[in-house]
Protein backbone atom coordinates (compact mmCIF):
# COMPACT_ATOMS: atom_id res chain seq x y z
CA MET A 1 -9.20 25.12 -17.34
CA ALA A 2 -8.60 25.14 -13.56
CA LYS A 3 -10.61 21.90 -13.24
CA GLN A 4 -8.41 20.22 -15.87
CA GLN A 5 -5.23 21.31 -14.07
CA SER A 6 -6.61 20.00 -10.80
CA ASP A 7 -7.46 16.63 -12.42
CA ASN A 8 -3.97 16.40 -13.93
CA GLN A 9 -2.37 17.10 -10.56
CA SER A 10 -4.52 14.42 -8.92
CA ASN A 11 -3.47 11.89 -11.55
CA LYS A 12 0.20 12.70 -11.01
CA LYS A 13 -0.17 12.18 -7.26
CA SER A 14 -1.86 8.81 -7.71
CA ASN A 15 0.94 7.57 -9.99
CA LYS A 16 3.52 7.55 -7.19
CA GLN A 17 5.34 4.28 -6.85
CA PHE A 18 5.91 3.02 -3.33
CA ASN A 19 8.29 0.32 -2.16
CA TYR A 20 6.52 -2.24 0.00
CA ASP A 21 9.52 -4.55 0.55
CA LEU A 22 9.45 -3.87 4.30
CA LEU A 23 5.74 -4.74 4.37
CA LEU A 24 6.44 -7.99 2.50
CA LYS A 25 9.12 -8.88 5.06
CA ARG A 26 6.69 -8.17 7.90
CA MET A 27 4.12 -10.40 6.21
CA LYS A 28 6.67 -13.24 6.10
CA VAL A 29 7.57 -12.76 9.78
CA HIS A 30 3.87 -13.12 10.63
CA ARG A 31 3.54 -15.99 8.13
CA HIS A 32 1.07 -14.25 5.84
CA SER A 33 0.89 -14.44 2.09
CA GLN A 34 -1.08 -11.97 0.02
CA THR A 35 -3.86 -14.55 0.00
CA THR A 36 -4.07 -14.96 3.79
CA LEU A 37 -3.67 -11.24 4.46
CA SER A 38 -6.34 -10.32 1.91
CA GLU A 39 -8.75 -12.84 3.48
CA LEU A 40 -8.26 -11.26 6.91
CA MET A 41 -8.76 -7.81 5.37
CA GLU A 42 -11.90 -9.06 3.58
CA ILE A 43 -10.66 -7.94 0.14
CA SER A 44 -9.65 -10.01 -2.87
CA ARG A 45 -6.08 -11.16 -3.34
CA ALA A 46 -6.05 -9.37 -6.72
CA THR A 47 -7.00 -6.09 -5.02
CA LEU A 48 -4.27 -6.46 -2.41
CA ASN A 49 -1.78 -7.30 -5.15
CA ALA A 50 -2.76 -4.16 -7.08
CA LYS A 51 -2.28 -2.07 -3.96
CA MET A 52 1.12 -3.60 -3.22
CA ASN A 53 2.20 -2.89 -6.79
CA SER A 54 1.04 0.76 -6.58
CA ARG A 55 -1.65 0.30 -9.21
CA ILE A 56 -4.30 1.46 -6.73
CA PRO A 57 -3.68 3.25 -3.42
CA PHE A 58 -4.12 1.79 0.04
CA THR A 59 -7.05 3.36 1.90
CA GLN A 60 -6.89 4.44 5.51
CA LYS A 61 -9.09 1.44 6.32
CA ASP A 62 -6.58 -0.87 4.58
CA ILE A 63 -3.64 0.60 6.46
CA ILE A 64 -5.41 0.32 9.82
CA SER A 65 -6.39 -3.27 9.10
CA ILE A 66 -2.88 -4.30 8.01
CA CYS A 67 -1.32 -2.59 11.01
CA ARG A 68 -3.65 -4.48 13.34
CA ILE A 69 -3.00 -7.83 11.65
CA LEU A 70 0.79 -7.40 11.35
CA GLU A 71 1.20 -5.58 14.68
CA ILE A 72 2.68 -2.43 13.11
CA SER A 73 2.78 0.48 15.55
CA ASN A 74 1.59 3.99 14.70
CA ASP A 75 5.20 5.17 14.75
CA GLU A 76 6.13 2.62 12.04
CA VAL A 77 3.29 3.27 9.58
CA GLY A 78 5.32 5.63 7.39
CA ASP A 79 8.14 3.12 7.06
CA TYR A 80 5.77 0.45 5.76
CA PHE A 81 3.38 2.47 3.58
CA PHE A 82 5.03 5.70 2.44
CA HIS A 83 8.51 4.74 1.27
CA GLU A 84 8.67 6.05 -2.31
CA GLU A 85 10.51 4.13 -5.00
CA SER A 86 13.69 5.77 -6.21
CA ASP A 87 14.71 5.92 -9.88
CA GLY A 88 11.23 4.82 -11.00
CA LYS A 89 11.88 1.17 -10.05
CA ARG A 90 9.10 -1.36 -9.38
């Protein structure tokens, strides 16, 4: 029973929707599409797209890589990766 509750809580956490509009703007400033960014990250474009649409979560490795590529400082990470969607949009 406790295991099932724990699994349900994990699933609820992974269903959070994040807004990556600021990240998309930063990509444009640095002239990167999902294709070019995914190539530099050494992941498929489909995987990056799934991450940016909150279907699968970004890993720490992903976040570090994107921050390096897009010159995002440690102080800005939360603004780019942890801005939750409001009203269930996206």
